[in-house]
Amino acid sequence: MKMENANIILANVIIKNIDNYKKKSDNKPAKRFFMEHEHHNHIEQENEKKTAIVIVFTLITMAAEILFGIITHSMALLADGCHMGTHALALTITFLAYFFIRKIQDCKNCDLVSEKISAFAGYTSSLFLLATAFWIVYESFERLFNPLSISFNEAILVAIIGLVVNLICVIIMEKGHKHEDEDYNFKAAYLHILTDALTSIFAIVALLAGKYFGLYFLDPVMGFVGGALILKWSIGLIKDTSKVLLDIKMLEE
């Protein structure tokens, strides 16, 4: 009788330990999901702050270029100031997307909704990039066959200002960023700044070559090169975001 009682007690202890182990095991995925969710939210909040800082830099530069363009009657400064305005608009879309994602992060299926918002913002920004690429290629084509006189000193100054501002913004966006995170919203904003910095570099090279060596044709040629790169990047981003919006990526996984 004592032996039977001991066996019953031992069996109960074993069953209890197995149940406890199962409960702990069942909680592990939930804990892992919660930690990953919190980590993802933290990254999005950091990206939101970075985007806000970059918007401020862009708006200050835009206002300064437009103001001095009016004062000095420089069309180059005015044009680049307006160009900065389009980037500020695209970056504002990125910021608003993060704002809405933060507001609904506790809702049902919030991860899926957040991914859709991020992809939609990235898709919209990529359309701005695509339009910019077509505009650059069109203008380069026009300048190649109908060249205009270039105010080299003013144009070089504007290109250098734009490059410095964009490099500062690139450094801000790069700080602590992990490229393996598929945040298409952030990627679109980053591409806007990167392409602007790239076109500034191409412009400086072409303008210096034109001013000192008389290679005026390099200005539209560099425009073609910059436009082609922006076109390639924007189409790639459109494809990636479209897969998320149409749930193609989910089916592939």
Protein backbone atom coordinates (compact mmCIF):
# COMPACT_ATOMS: atom_id res chain seq x y z
CA MET A 1 0.00 0.00 0.00
CA LYS A 2 2.83 2.37 0.90
CA MET A 3 4.58 1.41 -2.34
CA GLU A 4 1.42 2.21 -4.37
CA ASN A 5 1.02 5.59 -2.65
CA ALA A 6 4.66 6.39 -3.32
CA ASN A 7 4.24 5.47 -6.99
CA ILE A 8 1.11 7.64 -7.25
CA ILE A 9 2.91 10.61 -5.66
CA LEU A 10 5.92 10.10 -7.96
CA ALA A 11 3.65 9.89 -11.01
CA ASN A 12 1.86 13.11 -10.00
CA VAL A 13 5.18 14.91 -9.55
CA ILE A 14 6.36 13.76 -13.01
CA ILE A 15 3.07 14.81 -14.66
CA LYS A 16 3.21 18.20 -12.91
CA ASN A 17 6.79 18.78 -14.09
CA ILE A 18 5.84 17.82 -17.65
CA ASP A 19 2.89 20.27 -17.58
CA ASN A 20 5.14 23.06 -16.25
CA TYR A 21 7.70 22.35 -18.97
CA LYS A 22 4.99 22.48 -21.64
CA LYS A 23 3.72 25.80 -20.31
CA LYS A 24 7.21 27.25 -20.36
CA SER A 25 7.80 25.91 -23.87
CA ASP A 26 4.49 27.31 -25.06
CA ASN A 27 5.39 30.73 -23.66
CA LYS A 28 8.77 30.86 -25.42
CA PRO A 29 7.41 31.73 -28.89
CA ALA A 30 5.15 34.36 -27.34
CA LYS A 31 8.06 35.88 -25.42
CA ARG A 32 10.26 35.76 -28.51
CA PHE A 33 7.50 37.43 -30.58
CA PHE A 34 7.03 40.13 -27.93
CA MET A 35 10.78 40.86 -27.80
CA GLU A 36 11.04 40.99 -31.60
CA HIS A 37 7.97 43.25 -31.76
CA GLU A 38 9.44 45.62 -29.16
CA HIS A 39 12.79 45.66 -31.00
CA HIS A 40 11.05 46.44 -34.31
CA ASN A 41 9.07 49.28 -32.71
CA HIS A 42 12.29 50.73 -31.28
CA ILE A 43 13.93 50.71 -34.73
CA GLU A 44 10.91 52.44 -36.29
CA GLN A 45 10.94 55.13 -33.58
CA GLU A 46 14.65 55.74 -34.22
CA ASN A 47 14.01 55.99 -37.96
CA GLU A 48 11.15 58.42 -37.32
CA LYS A 49 13.50 60.71 -35.33
CA LYS A 50 16.18 60.52 -38.04
CA THR A 51 13.64 61.40 -40.73
CA ALA A 52 12.42 64.42 -38.71
CA ILE A 53 15.99 65.73 -38.35
CA VAL A 54 16.66 65.26 -42.07
CA ILE A 55 13.40 67.10 -42.94
CA VAL A 56 14.54 70.07 -40.82
CA PHE A 57 17.94 70.15 -42.59
CA THR A 58 16.23 69.92 -45.99
CA LEU A 59 13.72 72.69 -45.24
CA ILE A 60 16.41 75.06 -43.92
CA THR A 61 18.53 74.49 -47.03
CA MET A 62 15.49 74.89 -49.29
CA ALA A 63 14.51 78.20 -47.66
CA ALA A 64 18.10 79.54 -47.78
CA GLU A 65 18.58 78.63 -51.46
CA ILE A 66 15.24 80.14 -52.53
CA LEU A 67 15.88 83.32 -50.48
CA PHE A 68 19.42 83.87 -51.84
CA GLY A 69 18.21 82.88 -55.31
CA ILE A 70 15.70 85.74 -55.21
CA ILE A 71 18.23 88.20 -53.75
CA THR A 72 21.03 87.31 -56.23
CA HIS A 73 18.68 86.60 -59.19
CA SER A 74 20.27 83.13 -59.48
CA MET A 75 18.07 80.67 -61.35
CA ALA A 76 20.40 77.83 -60.31
CA LEU A 77 19.81 78.52 -56.61
CA LEU A 78 16.05 78.88 -57.14
CA ALA A 79 15.85 75.63 -59.12
CA ASP A 80 17.83 73.65 -56.53
CA GLY A 81 15.72 75.16 -53.74
CA CYS A 82 12.53 73.96 -55.45
CA HIS A 83 14.18 70.57 -56.03
CA MET A 84 14.88 70.38 -52.28
CA GLY A 85 11.16 71.02 -51.76
CA THR A 86 10.24 67.82 -53.61
CA HIS A 87 12.60 65.86 -51.37
CA ALA A 88 11.08 67.49 -48.27
CA LEU A 89 7.64 66.36 -49.49
CA ALA A 90 8.85 62.76 -50.02
CA LEU A 91 10.53 62.73 -46.58
CA THR A 92 7.32 64.06 -45.02
CA ILE A 93 5.49 61.03 -46.44
CA THR A 94 8.08 58.82 -44.73
CA PHE A 95 7.65 60.66 -41.41
CA LEU A 96 3.83 60.49 -41.55
CA ALA A 97 4.00 56.77 -42.27
CA TYR A 98 6.07 56.22 -39.11
CA PHE A 99 3.64 58.44 -37.17
CA PHE A 100 0.62 56.33 -38.19
CA ILE A 101 2.52 53.08 -37.59
CA ARG A 102 3.33 54.22 -34.04
CA LYS A 103 -0.32 55.12 -33.42
CA ILE A 104 -1.66 51.68 -34.39
CA GLN A 105 1.16 49.51 -32.99
CA ASP A 106 -1.16 48.00 -30.32
CA CYS A 107 -4.01 47.13 -32.67
CA LYS A 108 -5.01 43.69 -33.91
CA ASN A 109 -2.69 42.42 -36.69
CA CYS A 110 -0.59 45.54 -36.12
CA ASP A 111 2.55 44.01 -37.69
CA LEU A 112 0.73 43.26 -40.93
CA VAL A 113 -0.88 46.72 -41.02
CA SER A 114 2.45 48.40 -40.23
CA GLU A 115 4.15 46.49 -43.03
CA LYS A 116 1.42 47.60 -45.46
CA ILE A 117 1.73 51.27 -44.40
CA SER A 118 5.52 51.13 -44.69
CA ALA A 119 5.34 49.51 -48.12
CA PHE A 120 2.71 51.99 -49.36
CA ALA A 121 4.80 54.97 -48.21
CA GLY A 122 7.88 53.42 -49.85
CA TYR A 123 5.89 52.82 -53.04
CA THR A 124 4.64 56.42 -53.12
CA SER A 125 8.15 57.82 -52.55
CA SER A 126 9.55 55.54 -55.24
CA LEU A 127 7.05 57.07 -57.70
CA PHE A 128 8.53 60.48 -56.86
CA LEU A 129 11.98 59.03 -57.59
CA LEU A 130 10.74 57.58 -60.88
CA ALA A 131 9.28 60.94 -61.93
CA THR A 132 12.56 62.65 -60.99
CA ALA A 133 14.54 60.14 -63.08
CA PHE A 134 12.35 60.74 -66.17
CA TRP A 135 12.61 64.51 -65.69
CA ILE A 136 16.43 64.38 -65.44
CA VAL A 137 16.71 62.18 -68.57
CA TYR A 138 14.32 64.47 -70.50
CA GLU A 139 16.18 67.65 -69.46
CA SER A 140 19.55 66.04 -70.28
CA PHE A 141 18.25 65.09 -73.73
CA GLU A 142 17.09 68.68 -74.31
CA ARG A 143 20.41 70.15 -73.13
CA LEU A 144 22.41 67.76 -75.30
CA PHE A 145 20.79 69.03 -78.52
CA ASN A 146 19.92 72.54 -77.32
CA PRO A 147 22.76 73.58 -74.99
CA LEU A 148 22.30 76.63 -72.77
CA SER A 149 24.95 78.94 -71.33
CA ILE A 150 25.91 77.84 -67.81
CA SER A 151 26.82 80.16 -64.93
CA PHE A 152 29.57 77.85 -63.72
CA ASN A 153 30.48 79.63 -60.47
CA GLU A 154 26.89 79.79 -59.19
CA ALA A 155 26.09 76.25 -60.37
CA ILE A 156 29.20 74.79 -58.70
CA LEU A 157 28.37 76.63 -55.45
CA VAL A 158 24.81 75.24 -55.46
CA ALA A 159 26.05 71.71 -56.21
CA ILE A 160 28.57 71.87 -53.35
CA ILE A 161 25.93 73.16 -50.90
CA GLY A 162 23.56 70.39 -51.96
CA LEU A 163 26.28 67.75 -51.63
CA VAL A 164 27.30 68.88 -48.12
CA VAL A 165 23.70 68.93 -46.87
CA ASN A 166 22.95 65.52 -48.41
CA LEU A 167 26.12 63.96 -46.99
CA ILE A 168 25.14 65.20 -43.52
CA CYS A 169 21.68 63.67 -44.01
CA VAL A 170 23.19 60.37 -45.24
CA ILE A 171 25.37 60.20 -42.10
CA ILE A 172 22.30 60.86 -39.90
CA MET A 173 20.28 58.14 -41.66
CA GLU A 174 23.18 55.66 -41.63
CA LYS A 175 23.86 56.01 -37.89
CA GLY A 176 22.86 52.76 -36.18
CA HIS A 177 20.88 51.58 -39.20
CA LYS A 178 20.83 47.85 -40.03
CA HIS A 179 20.41 47.24 -43.76
CA GLU A 180 18.98 43.77 -43.26
CA ASP A 181 15.74 45.27 -41.90
CA GLU A 182 13.24 45.39 -44.77
CA ASP A 183 11.85 48.83 -43.94
CA TYR A 184 10.83 50.06 -47.39
CA ASN A 185 9.63 53.36 -45.95
CA PHE A 186 13.10 54.12 -44.60
CA LYS A 187 14.75 52.73 -47.73
CA ALA A 188 12.77 55.12 -49.95
CA ALA A 189 13.75 58.14 -47.84
CA TYR A 190 17.38 57.00 -47.84
CA LEU A 191 17.35 56.59 -51.64
CA HIS A 192 15.99 60.12 -52.10
CA ILE A 193 18.94 61.56 -50.16
CA LEU A 194 21.50 59.20 -51.71
CA THR A 195 20.39 59.95 -55.28
CA ASP A 196 20.45 63.68 -54.59
CA ALA A 197 24.01 63.39 -53.25
CA LEU A 198 24.98 61.31 -56.28
CA THR A 199 23.56 63.81 -58.77
CA SER A 200 25.41 66.60 -56.92
CA ILE A 201 28.71 64.71 -57.36
CA PHE A 202 28.00 64.11 -61.06
CA ALA A 203 27.09 67.79 -61.46
CA ILE A 204 30.29 69.02 -59.77
CA VAL A 205 32.44 66.78 -61.99
CA ALA A 206 30.63 67.93 -65.16
CA LEU A 207 30.69 71.61 -64.19
CA LEU A 208 34.41 71.60 -63.34
CA ALA A 209 35.16 69.79 -66.62
CA GLY A 210 33.09 72.35 -68.51
CA LYS A 211 34.59 75.37 -66.77
CA TYR A 212 38.27 74.42 -66.96
CA PHE A 213 38.47 72.09 -69.99
CA GLY A 214 35.56 73.21 -72.15
CA LEU A 215 33.88 69.78 -71.98
CA TYR A 216 30.34 71.22 -71.97
CA PHE A 217 28.79 68.01 -73.27
CA LEU A 218 29.59 66.28 -69.95
CA ASP A 219 26.80 68.20 -68.20
CA PRO A 220 23.93 66.43 -70.04
CA VAL A 221 25.91 63.15 -70.22
CA MET A 222 26.25 63.09 -66.43
CA GLY A 223 22.53 63.86 -66.30
CA PHE A 224 21.83 60.74 -68.35
CA VAL A 225 24.05 58.63 -66.04
CA GLY A 226 22.42 59.99 -62.87
CA GLY A 227 18.92 59.62 -64.32
CA ALA A 228 19.59 56.02 -65.38
CA LEU A 229 20.81 55.08 -61.87
CA ILE A 230 17.82 56.72 -60.19
CA LEU A 231 15.52 54.97 -62.69
CA LYS A 232 17.06 51.58 -61.85
CA TRP A 233 16.80 52.09 -58.07
CA SER A 234 13.24 53.44 -58.20
CA ILE A 235 12.00 50.53 -60.35
CA GLY A 236 13.65 48.05 -57.96
CA LEU A 237 11.92 49.69 -54.99
CA ILE A 238 8.57 49.75 -56.81
CA LYS A 239 8.88 46.00 -57.46
CA ASP A 240 9.78 45.24 -53.81
CA THR A 241 6.98 47.34 -52.32
CA SER A 242 4.44 46.05 -54.85
CA LYS A 243 5.13 42.48 -53.70
CA VAL A 244 4.20 43.46 -50.13
CA LEU A 245 1.12 45.47 -51.15
CA LEU A 246 -0.19 42.66 -53.37
CA ASP A 247 0.76 39.93 -50.85
CA ILE A 248 3.04 38.31 -53.45
CA LYS A 249 5.90 38.25 -50.95
CA MET A 250 3.70 36.40 -48.45
CA LEU A 251 2.87 33.76 -51.07
CA GLU A 252 6.56 33.37 -51.98
CA GLU A 253 7.40 32.71 -48.31
